[in-house]
Amino acid sequence: FRMTLSSDPDAAESFLLIEMHHIIADGASIAIFMRELIALYQGQTLAPLPLQYLDFSAWMQQRLSSPAIQAQKDYWTRHLAGELPRLELPYDFPRSALQSFAGDSVDVMLPENVQRRIQQLAHKNDCTLYVVFFAVFQLLLHKYSQQNSVLVGTPAQGRSHPDLSNIM
């Protein structure tokens, strides 16, 4: 992140460099930090938050110690114990011994009638479009790999209450 600290074009440039490890801030927190830093730099006053991080922390601690959450944790600890399945997709060239993150993206515009049907499916199943597309992605991986267990990790903000949306 580079931020010029002078509005005078003739003044010497100043830069603010902020570096933080990903373990201390998720993408949503960094976006909040940047939005608030820019607002403060522009002389704006930040609105007080209805909840503080301490409130969230106490709520989360209480929730994590509940019997229901403990039962879920026990279930997944047992279910994911041992060697986890490695996704084996067919490919047209040998897999490199060195991991690479090289890739590409393809933009696709779905026809309006398909978009509408997907939205209806999400509504009917009381879920988000993200969940629908994630399920389709899981199904695609299953079809390509013919594996019954396909594990895919996804990022989650953990901000399940609107008052938590602006808390880092």
N, C-alpha and C. Protein backbone atom coordinates (compact mmCIF):
# COMPACT_ATOMS: atom_id res chain seq x y z
N PHE A 1 0.85 -1.17 0.00
CA PHE A 1 0.00 0.00 0.00
C PHE A 1 0.89 1.23 0.00
N ARG A 2 0.63 2.15 -0.88
CA ARG A 2 1.40 3.40 -0.96
C ARG A 2 0.41 4.55 -0.86
N MET A 3 0.70 5.48 0.00
CA MET A 3 -0.20 6.62 0.18
C MET A 3 0.64 7.89 0.18
N THR A 4 0.35 8.81 -0.72
CA THR A 4 1.03 10.10 -0.74
C THR A 4 0.44 10.97 0.35
N LEU A 5 1.30 11.54 1.18
CA LEU A 5 0.84 12.28 2.35
C LEU A 5 0.81 13.79 2.16
N SER A 6 0.90 14.26 0.95
CA SER A 6 0.86 15.70 0.74
C SER A 6 -0.11 16.01 -0.40
N SER A 7 -0.97 17.00 -0.17
CA SER A 7 -1.88 17.41 -1.24
C SER A 7 -1.24 18.49 -2.11
N ASP A 8 -0.10 19.01 -1.70
CA ASP A 8 0.63 20.03 -2.45
C ASP A 8 1.51 19.33 -3.48
N PRO A 9 1.22 19.52 -4.79
CA PRO A 9 2.01 18.82 -5.82
C PRO A 9 3.48 19.23 -5.84
N ASP A 10 3.82 20.42 -5.29
CA ASP A 10 5.21 20.88 -5.30
C ASP A 10 5.98 20.41 -4.07
N ALA A 11 5.29 19.92 -3.08
CA ALA A 11 5.95 19.48 -1.85
C ALA A 11 6.67 18.16 -2.10
N ALA A 12 7.67 17.91 -1.27
CA ALA A 12 8.37 16.63 -1.36
C ALA A 12 7.39 15.51 -1.03
N GLU A 13 7.51 14.42 -1.74
CA GLU A 13 6.59 13.31 -1.50
C GLU A 13 6.94 12.59 -0.21
N SER A 14 5.91 12.19 0.48
CA SER A 14 6.06 11.34 1.65
C SER A 14 5.23 10.09 1.41
N PHE A 15 5.69 9.00 1.96
CA PHE A 15 4.98 7.74 1.79
C PHE A 15 4.77 7.09 3.14
N LEU A 16 3.66 6.43 3.24
CA LEU A 16 3.36 5.64 4.42
C LEU A 16 3.32 4.19 3.96
N LEU A 17 4.16 3.38 4.56
CA LEU A 17 4.21 1.97 4.22
C LEU A 17 3.71 1.18 5.42
N ILE A 18 2.71 0.37 5.20
CA ILE A 18 2.15 -0.46 6.27
C ILE A 18 2.28 -1.90 5.83
N GLU A 19 2.93 -2.69 6.67
CA GLU A 19 3.08 -4.11 6.38
C GLU A 19 2.57 -4.89 7.57
N MET A 20 1.72 -5.85 7.29
CA MET A 20 1.24 -6.69 8.39
C MET A 20 1.11 -8.12 7.91
N HIS A 21 1.36 -9.04 8.81
CA HIS A 21 1.25 -10.46 8.49
C HIS A 21 -0.23 -10.83 8.37
N HIS A 22 -0.54 -11.74 7.48
CA HIS A 22 -1.94 -12.10 7.25
C HIS A 22 -2.59 -12.73 8.48
N ILE A 23 -1.80 -13.16 9.45
CA ILE A 23 -2.40 -13.79 10.63
C ILE A 23 -3.06 -12.75 11.55
N ILE A 24 -2.70 -11.47 11.42
CA ILE A 24 -3.29 -10.46 12.32
C ILE A 24 -4.46 -9.71 11.69
N ALA A 25 -4.67 -9.88 10.40
CA ALA A 25 -5.79 -9.16 9.77
C ALA A 25 -6.27 -9.92 8.55
N ASP A 26 -7.58 -10.12 8.47
CA ASP A 26 -8.15 -10.73 7.28
C ASP A 26 -8.43 -9.64 6.25
N GLY A 27 -8.87 -10.05 5.08
CA GLY A 27 -9.12 -9.08 4.00
C GLY A 27 -10.15 -8.04 4.39
N ALA A 28 -11.20 -8.45 5.11
CA ALA A 28 -12.23 -7.51 5.53
C ALA A 28 -11.65 -6.48 6.51
N SER A 29 -10.79 -6.93 7.41
CA SER A 29 -10.19 -6.00 8.38
C SER A 29 -9.27 -5.00 7.70
N ILE A 30 -8.53 -5.47 6.72
CA ILE A 30 -7.64 -4.56 5.99
C ILE A 30 -8.47 -3.51 5.24
N ALA A 31 -9.59 -3.92 4.66
CA ALA A 31 -10.46 -2.97 3.97
C ALA A 31 -11.01 -1.93 4.95
N ILE A 32 -11.41 -2.37 6.13
CA ILE A 32 -11.89 -1.44 7.16
C ILE A 32 -10.79 -0.49 7.56
N PHE A 33 -9.60 -1.03 7.80
CA PHE A 33 -8.45 -0.20 8.19
C PHE A 33 -8.16 0.87 7.14
N MET A 34 -8.13 0.46 5.87
CA MET A 34 -7.83 1.41 4.80
C MET A 34 -8.92 2.48 4.69
N ARG A 35 -10.18 2.06 4.76
CA ARG A 35 -11.29 3.02 4.67
C ARG A 35 -11.21 4.04 5.81
N GLU A 36 -10.93 3.56 7.03
CA GLU A 36 -10.87 4.46 8.18
C GLU A 36 -9.62 5.35 8.13
N LEU A 37 -8.49 4.80 7.69
CA LEU A 37 -7.26 5.60 7.57
C LEU A 37 -7.46 6.74 6.57
N ILE A 38 -8.05 6.44 5.43
CA ILE A 38 -8.29 7.46 4.41
C ILE A 38 -9.28 8.50 4.92
N ALA A 39 -10.33 8.05 5.62
CA ALA A 39 -11.30 9.00 6.18
C ALA A 39 -10.64 9.93 7.18
N LEU A 40 -9.81 9.39 8.07
CA LEU A 40 -9.11 10.22 9.04
C LEU A 40 -8.13 11.18 8.36
N TYR A 41 -7.44 10.70 7.35
CA TYR A 41 -6.51 11.55 6.61
C TYR A 41 -7.23 12.71 5.94
N GLN A 42 -8.47 12.46 5.52
CA GLN A 42 -9.27 13.51 4.88
C GLN A 42 -9.97 14.40 5.90
N GLY A 43 -9.69 14.21 7.19
CA GLY A 43 -10.24 15.06 8.23
C GLY A 43 -11.63 14.68 8.71
N GLN A 44 -12.11 13.51 8.31
CA GLN A 44 -13.43 13.07 8.74
C GLN A 44 -13.35 12.49 10.15
N THR A 45 -14.48 12.47 10.81
CA THR A 45 -14.59 11.86 12.13
C THR A 45 -15.26 10.51 11.96
N LEU A 46 -14.71 9.51 12.61
CA LEU A 46 -15.30 8.18 12.51
C LEU A 46 -16.47 8.06 13.47
N ALA A 47 -17.53 7.44 13.00
CA ALA A 47 -18.71 7.22 13.84
C ALA A 47 -18.36 6.17 14.90
N PRO A 48 -18.88 6.34 16.11
CA PRO A 48 -18.60 5.32 17.14
C PRO A 48 -19.25 3.99 16.76
N LEU A 49 -18.56 2.92 17.10
CA LEU A 49 -19.07 1.58 16.80
C LEU A 49 -20.06 1.14 17.86
N PRO A 50 -21.15 0.48 17.46
CA PRO A 50 -22.13 0.00 18.45
C PRO A 50 -21.55 -1.12 19.32
N LEU A 51 -20.60 -1.87 18.76
CA LEU A 51 -19.92 -2.93 19.50
C LEU A 51 -18.42 -2.75 19.35
N GLN A 52 -17.68 -3.21 20.33
CA GLN A 52 -16.23 -3.19 20.26
C GLN A 52 -15.73 -4.63 20.08
N TYR A 53 -14.46 -4.78 19.74
CA TYR A 53 -13.90 -6.11 19.55
C TYR A 53 -14.01 -6.93 20.83
N LEU A 54 -13.89 -6.29 21.98
CA LEU A 54 -14.01 -6.99 23.25
C LEU A 54 -15.39 -7.64 23.39
N ASP A 55 -16.44 -6.93 22.93
CA ASP A 55 -17.79 -7.50 22.96
C ASP A 55 -17.85 -8.76 22.09
N PHE A 56 -17.28 -8.66 20.89
CA PHE A 56 -17.26 -9.81 19.98
C PHE A 56 -16.47 -10.96 20.60
N SER A 57 -15.32 -10.64 21.18
CA SER A 57 -14.46 -11.66 21.77
C SER A 57 -15.18 -12.40 22.90
N ALA A 58 -15.86 -11.66 23.77
CA ALA A 58 -16.60 -12.28 24.88
C ALA A 58 -17.74 -13.14 24.34
N TRP A 59 -18.46 -12.64 23.34
CA TRP A 59 -19.55 -13.40 22.73
C TRP A 59 -19.02 -14.68 22.09
N MET A 60 -17.91 -14.57 21.38
CA MET A 60 -17.34 -15.73 20.70
C MET A 60 -16.84 -16.76 21.71
N GLN A 61 -16.21 -16.30 22.79
CA GLN A 61 -15.73 -17.21 23.83
C GLN A 61 -16.90 -17.98 24.44
N GLN A 62 -17.99 -17.29 24.70
CA GLN A 62 -19.18 -17.91 25.27
C GLN A 62 -19.75 -18.93 24.27
N ARG A 63 -19.81 -18.54 23.01
CA ARG A 63 -20.36 -19.42 21.98
C ARG A 63 -19.50 -20.66 21.79
N LEU A 64 -18.18 -20.49 21.77
CA LEU A 64 -17.28 -21.63 21.55
C LEU A 64 -17.29 -22.64 22.69
N SER A 65 -17.69 -22.19 23.87
CA SER A 65 -17.73 -23.11 25.00
C SER A 65 -19.10 -23.77 25.15
N SER A 66 -20.02 -23.49 24.25
CA SER A 66 -21.36 -24.08 24.34
C SER A 66 -21.30 -25.56 23.96
N PRO A 67 -22.20 -26.38 24.52
CA PRO A 67 -22.24 -27.81 24.18
C PRO A 67 -22.48 -28.07 22.69
N ALA A 68 -23.29 -27.25 22.05
CA ALA A 68 -23.58 -27.44 20.62
C ALA A 68 -22.31 -27.27 19.78
N ILE A 69 -21.55 -26.23 20.04
CA ILE A 69 -20.31 -25.99 19.29
C ILE A 69 -19.29 -27.08 19.62
N GLN A 70 -19.21 -27.49 20.87
CA GLN A 70 -18.27 -28.54 21.25
C GLN A 70 -18.61 -29.85 20.53
N ALA A 71 -19.91 -30.15 20.39
CA ALA A 71 -20.33 -31.35 19.67
C ALA A 71 -19.92 -31.26 18.19
N GLN A 72 -20.07 -30.07 17.59
CA GLN A 72 -19.65 -29.88 16.20
C GLN A 72 -18.14 -30.05 16.06
N LYS A 73 -17.41 -29.46 17.00
CA LYS A 73 -15.94 -29.57 16.97
C LYS A 73 -15.52 -31.04 17.10
N ASP A 74 -16.14 -31.76 18.01
CA ASP A 74 -15.82 -33.18 18.18
C ASP A 74 -16.12 -33.97 16.92
N TYR A 75 -17.28 -33.68 16.28
CA TYR A 75 -17.66 -34.37 15.06
C TYR A 75 -16.60 -34.17 13.98
N TRP A 76 -16.23 -32.91 13.73
CA TRP A 76 -15.28 -32.63 12.64
C TRP A 76 -13.88 -33.12 12.98
N THR A 77 -13.51 -33.11 14.25
CA THR A 77 -12.20 -33.64 14.64
C THR A 77 -12.14 -35.14 14.33
N ARG A 78 -13.22 -35.86 14.64
CA ARG A 78 -13.26 -37.30 14.32
C ARG A 78 -13.34 -37.51 12.80
N HIS A 79 -14.19 -36.74 12.13
CA HIS A 79 -14.43 -36.92 10.70
C HIS A 79 -13.18 -36.62 9.86
N LEU A 80 -12.39 -35.65 10.30
CA LEU A 80 -11.21 -35.25 9.52
C LEU A 80 -9.91 -35.81 10.08
N ALA A 81 -10.01 -36.77 11.01
CA ALA A 81 -8.81 -37.37 11.59
C ALA A 81 -8.10 -38.22 10.54
N GLY A 82 -6.80 -38.33 10.69
CA GLY A 82 -6.03 -39.17 9.77
C GLY A 82 -5.68 -38.45 8.49
N GLU A 83 -5.31 -39.25 7.50
CA GLU A 83 -4.90 -38.70 6.21
C GLU A 83 -6.12 -38.16 5.46
N LEU A 84 -6.03 -36.93 5.02
CA LEU A 84 -7.12 -36.33 4.26
C LEU A 84 -6.95 -36.66 2.78
N PRO A 85 -8.06 -36.83 2.06
CA PRO A 85 -7.95 -37.19 0.64
C PRO A 85 -7.33 -36.06 -0.18
N ARG A 86 -6.45 -36.45 -1.07
CA ARG A 86 -5.82 -35.49 -1.98
C ARG A 86 -6.63 -35.50 -3.28
N LEU A 87 -6.95 -34.33 -3.76
CA LEU A 87 -7.73 -34.23 -4.99
C LEU A 87 -6.86 -34.66 -6.17
N GLU A 88 -7.34 -35.64 -6.90
CA GLU A 88 -6.62 -36.16 -8.06
C GLU A 88 -7.42 -35.85 -9.32
N LEU A 89 -7.09 -34.75 -9.96
CA LEU A 89 -7.78 -34.37 -11.18
C LEU A 89 -7.02 -34.91 -12.39
N PRO A 90 -7.76 -35.29 -13.43
CA PRO A 90 -7.07 -35.71 -14.66
C PRO A 90 -6.39 -34.49 -15.29
N TYR A 91 -5.26 -34.71 -15.90
CA TYR A 91 -4.56 -33.60 -16.56
C TYR A 91 -3.89 -34.12 -17.82
N ASP A 92 -3.53 -33.20 -18.67
CA ASP A 92 -2.96 -33.61 -19.94
C ASP A 92 -1.45 -33.48 -19.99
N PHE A 93 -0.81 -33.26 -18.83
CA PHE A 93 0.65 -33.25 -18.76
C PHE A 93 1.03 -33.62 -17.33
N PRO A 94 2.22 -34.12 -17.12
CA PRO A 94 2.61 -34.56 -15.78
C PRO A 94 2.63 -33.40 -14.78
N ARG A 95 2.19 -33.69 -13.57
CA ARG A 95 2.19 -32.69 -12.50
C ARG A 95 3.63 -32.37 -12.11
N SER A 96 3.94 -31.10 -11.99
CA SER A 96 5.28 -30.65 -11.61
C SER A 96 5.55 -30.98 -10.15
N ALA A 97 6.78 -31.29 -9.85
CA ALA A 97 7.17 -31.55 -8.46
C ALA A 97 7.16 -30.26 -7.65
N LEU A 98 7.31 -29.11 -8.32
CA LEU A 98 7.30 -27.81 -7.66
C LEU A 98 5.91 -27.20 -7.74
N GLN A 99 5.42 -26.75 -6.60
CA GLN A 99 4.10 -26.12 -6.56
C GLN A 99 4.15 -24.77 -7.27
N SER A 100 3.14 -24.50 -8.06
CA SER A 100 3.06 -23.23 -8.78
C SER A 100 1.66 -22.66 -8.61
N PHE A 101 1.59 -21.36 -8.55
CA PHE A 101 0.30 -20.70 -8.44
C PHE A 101 -0.07 -20.02 -9.76
N ALA A 102 0.63 -20.39 -10.82
CA ALA A 102 0.32 -19.84 -12.14
C ALA A 102 -1.06 -20.33 -12.56
N GLY A 103 -1.83 -19.47 -13.13
CA GLY A 103 -3.17 -19.85 -13.55
C GLY A 103 -3.76 -18.81 -14.46
N ASP A 104 -5.03 -18.91 -14.65
CA ASP A 104 -5.71 -17.98 -15.53
C ASP A 104 -7.14 -17.86 -15.03
N SER A 105 -7.87 -16.96 -15.59
CA SER A 105 -9.29 -16.82 -15.24
C SER A 105 -10.09 -16.68 -16.53
N VAL A 106 -11.33 -17.06 -16.43
CA VAL A 106 -12.24 -16.98 -17.57
C VAL A 106 -13.50 -16.28 -17.08
N ASP A 107 -13.88 -15.20 -17.72
CA ASP A 107 -15.12 -14.51 -17.38
C ASP A 107 -16.26 -15.09 -18.21
N VAL A 108 -17.35 -15.38 -17.52
CA VAL A 108 -18.52 -15.95 -18.18
C VAL A 108 -19.73 -15.13 -17.79
N MET A 109 -20.52 -14.75 -18.76
CA MET A 109 -21.78 -14.05 -18.49
C MET A 109 -22.91 -15.04 -18.70
N LEU A 110 -23.61 -15.35 -17.62
CA LEU A 110 -24.73 -16.28 -17.73
C LEU A 110 -25.94 -15.57 -18.32
N PRO A 111 -26.69 -16.27 -19.17
CA PRO A 111 -27.92 -15.67 -19.72
C PRO A 111 -28.87 -15.31 -18.58
N GLU A 112 -29.68 -14.30 -18.81
CA GLU A 112 -30.58 -13.79 -17.78
C GLU A 112 -31.50 -14.88 -17.22
N ASN A 113 -32.01 -15.74 -18.09
CA ASN A 113 -32.93 -16.78 -17.61
C ASN A 113 -32.19 -17.78 -16.70
N VAL A 114 -30.93 -18.05 -16.97
CA VAL A 114 -30.13 -18.94 -16.10
C VAL A 114 -29.86 -18.25 -14.77
N GLN A 115 -29.52 -16.97 -14.82
CA GLN A 115 -29.30 -16.21 -13.58
C GLN A 115 -30.55 -16.25 -12.70
N ARG A 116 -31.70 -16.05 -13.31
CA ARG A 116 -32.96 -16.04 -12.58
C ARG A 116 -33.22 -17.40 -11.94
N ARG A 117 -32.97 -18.48 -12.68
CA ARG A 117 -33.20 -19.83 -12.14
C ARG A 117 -32.24 -20.13 -10.99
N ILE A 118 -31.01 -19.66 -11.08
CA ILE A 118 -30.05 -19.87 -9.99
C ILE A 118 -30.49 -19.09 -8.75
N GLN A 119 -30.94 -17.88 -8.95
CA GLN A 119 -31.44 -17.08 -7.81
C GLN A 119 -32.65 -17.75 -7.17
N GLN A 120 -33.54 -18.31 -7.99
CA GLN A 120 -34.71 -19.02 -7.46
C GLN A 120 -34.28 -20.25 -6.66
N LEU A 121 -33.27 -20.97 -7.16
CA LEU A 121 -32.76 -22.14 -6.47
C LEU A 121 -32.20 -21.75 -5.10
N ALA A 122 -31.44 -20.67 -5.07
CA ALA A 122 -30.87 -20.20 -3.80
C ALA A 122 -31.98 -19.81 -2.85
N HIS A 123 -32.97 -19.08 -3.34
CA HIS A 123 -34.09 -18.65 -2.50
C HIS A 123 -34.87 -19.84 -1.97
N LYS A 124 -35.15 -20.80 -2.85
CA LYS A 124 -35.92 -21.99 -2.47
C LYS A 124 -35.20 -22.78 -1.37
N ASN A 125 -33.88 -22.80 -1.42
CA ASN A 125 -33.09 -23.56 -0.44
C ASN A 125 -32.57 -22.70 0.70
N ASP A 126 -33.05 -21.43 0.75
CA ASP A 126 -32.68 -20.51 1.83
C ASP A 126 -31.16 -20.41 2.00
N CYS A 127 -30.48 -20.17 0.87
CA CYS A 127 -29.02 -20.03 0.92
C CYS A 127 -28.59 -18.90 -0.01
N THR A 128 -27.32 -18.59 0.03
CA THR A 128 -26.79 -17.51 -0.81
C THR A 128 -26.37 -18.06 -2.17
N LEU A 129 -26.14 -17.14 -3.10
CA LEU A 129 -25.62 -17.55 -4.41
C LEU A 129 -24.24 -18.18 -4.26
N TYR A 130 -23.47 -17.69 -3.30
CA TYR A 130 -22.15 -18.26 -3.03
C TYR A 130 -22.28 -19.76 -2.74
N VAL A 131 -23.24 -20.14 -1.90
CA VAL A 131 -23.43 -21.54 -1.54
C VAL A 131 -23.83 -22.35 -2.76
N VAL A 132 -24.69 -21.81 -3.61
CA VAL A 132 -25.10 -22.53 -4.81
C VAL A 132 -23.89 -22.77 -5.71
N PHE A 133 -23.11 -21.73 -5.97
CA PHE A 133 -21.95 -21.89 -6.86
C PHE A 133 -20.87 -22.77 -6.23
N PHE A 134 -20.73 -22.70 -4.92
CA PHE A 134 -19.77 -23.57 -4.25
C PHE A 134 -20.19 -25.03 -4.39
N ALA A 135 -21.48 -25.31 -4.24
CA ALA A 135 -21.98 -26.68 -4.42
C ALA A 135 -21.73 -27.16 -5.85
N VAL A 136 -21.96 -26.29 -6.83
CA VAL A 136 -21.70 -26.65 -8.23
C VAL A 136 -20.21 -26.92 -8.43
N PHE A 137 -19.36 -26.11 -7.82
CA PHE A 137 -17.91 -26.31 -7.92
C PHE A 137 -17.52 -27.66 -7.31
N GLN A 138 -18.08 -27.98 -6.15
CA GLN A 138 -17.80 -29.27 -5.51
C GLN A 138 -18.25 -30.42 -6.41
N LEU A 139 -19.42 -30.28 -7.00
CA LEU A 139 -19.94 -31.31 -7.90
C LEU A 139 -19.02 -31.48 -9.12
N LEU A 140 -18.57 -30.38 -9.67
CA LEU A 140 -17.66 -30.42 -10.81
C LEU A 140 -16.36 -31.15 -10.45
N LEU A 141 -15.80 -30.84 -9.26
CA LEU A 141 -14.59 -31.52 -8.84
C LEU A 141 -14.83 -33.02 -8.66
N HIS A 142 -15.99 -33.37 -8.12
CA HIS A 142 -16.33 -34.79 -7.97
C HIS A 142 -16.42 -35.47 -9.34
N LYS A 143 -17.10 -34.83 -10.28
CA LYS A 143 -17.26 -35.42 -11.61
C LYS A 143 -15.92 -35.60 -12.31
N TYR A 144 -15.04 -34.62 -12.20
CA TYR A 144 -13.73 -34.72 -12.84
C TYR A 144 -12.84 -35.77 -12.17
N SER A 145 -12.87 -35.82 -10.84
CA SER A 145 -11.95 -36.69 -10.11
C SER A 145 -12.53 -38.08 -9.82
N GLN A 146 -13.87 -38.21 -9.85
CA GLN A 146 -14.55 -39.44 -9.47
C GLN A 146 -14.27 -39.81 -8.00
N GLN A 147 -13.90 -38.82 -7.20
CA GLN A 147 -13.67 -39.04 -5.78
C GLN A 147 -14.93 -38.65 -5.02
N ASN A 148 -15.28 -39.44 -4.00
CA ASN A 148 -16.47 -39.14 -3.21
C ASN A 148 -16.21 -38.09 -2.14
N SER A 149 -14.97 -37.98 -1.71
CA SER A 149 -14.62 -36.96 -0.71
C SER A 149 -13.74 -35.91 -1.37
N VAL A 150 -14.25 -34.70 -1.45
CA VAL A 150 -13.50 -33.59 -2.03
C VAL A 150 -13.51 -32.47 -0.99
N LEU A 151 -12.34 -32.14 -0.48
CA LEU A 151 -12.24 -31.08 0.53
C LEU A 151 -11.78 -29.78 -0.13
N VAL A 152 -12.51 -28.70 0.12
CA VAL A 152 -12.15 -27.38 -0.40
C VAL A 152 -12.31 -26.38 0.73
N GLY A 153 -11.26 -25.65 1.01
CA GLY A 153 -11.32 -24.62 2.05
C GLY A 153 -11.82 -23.31 1.46
N THR A 154 -12.55 -22.56 2.27
CA THR A 154 -13.03 -21.25 1.83
C THR A 154 -12.80 -20.24 2.95
N PRO A 155 -12.48 -19.01 2.60
CA PRO A 155 -12.34 -17.99 3.63
C PRO A 155 -13.70 -17.56 4.17
N ALA A 156 -13.74 -17.21 5.43
CA ALA A 156 -14.98 -16.72 6.04
C ALA A 156 -14.64 -15.56 6.96
N GLN A 157 -15.47 -14.54 6.94
CA GLN A 157 -15.21 -13.37 7.77
C GLN A 157 -15.60 -13.59 9.22
N GLY A 158 -16.60 -14.41 9.47
CA GLY A 158 -17.06 -14.62 10.84
C GLY A 158 -17.82 -13.42 11.40
N ARG A 159 -18.28 -12.56 10.53
CA ARG A 159 -19.04 -11.39 10.97
C ARG A 159 -20.52 -11.66 10.71
N SER A 160 -21.12 -12.41 11.63
CA SER A 160 -22.49 -12.88 11.41
C SER A 160 -23.55 -11.91 11.90
N HIS A 161 -23.15 -10.81 12.50
CA HIS A 161 -24.11 -9.82 12.99
C HIS A 161 -23.77 -8.48 12.33
N PRO A 162 -24.78 -7.71 11.89
CA PRO A 162 -24.50 -6.44 11.20
C PRO A 162 -23.63 -5.47 12.01
N ASP A 163 -23.75 -5.49 13.35
CA ASP A 163 -22.94 -4.58 14.16
C ASP A 163 -21.46 -4.96 14.19
N LEU A 164 -21.13 -6.15 13.66
CA LEU A 164 -19.74 -6.58 13.62
C LEU A 164 -19.07 -6.24 12.28
N SER A 165 -19.84 -5.74 11.33
CA SER A 165 -19.32 -5.56 9.97
C SER A 165 -18.19 -4.53 9.89
N ASN A 166 -18.10 -3.59 10.82
CA ASN A 166 -17.04 -2.58 10.77
C ASN A 166 -16.01 -2.77 11.87
N ILE A 167 -15.98 -3.93 12.48
CA ILE A 167 -14.99 -4.20 13.53
C ILE A 167 -13.83 -4.98 12.94
N MET A 168 -12.63 -4.53 13.21
CA MET A 168 -11.44 -5.25 12.74
C MET A 168 -11.17 -6.42 13.65
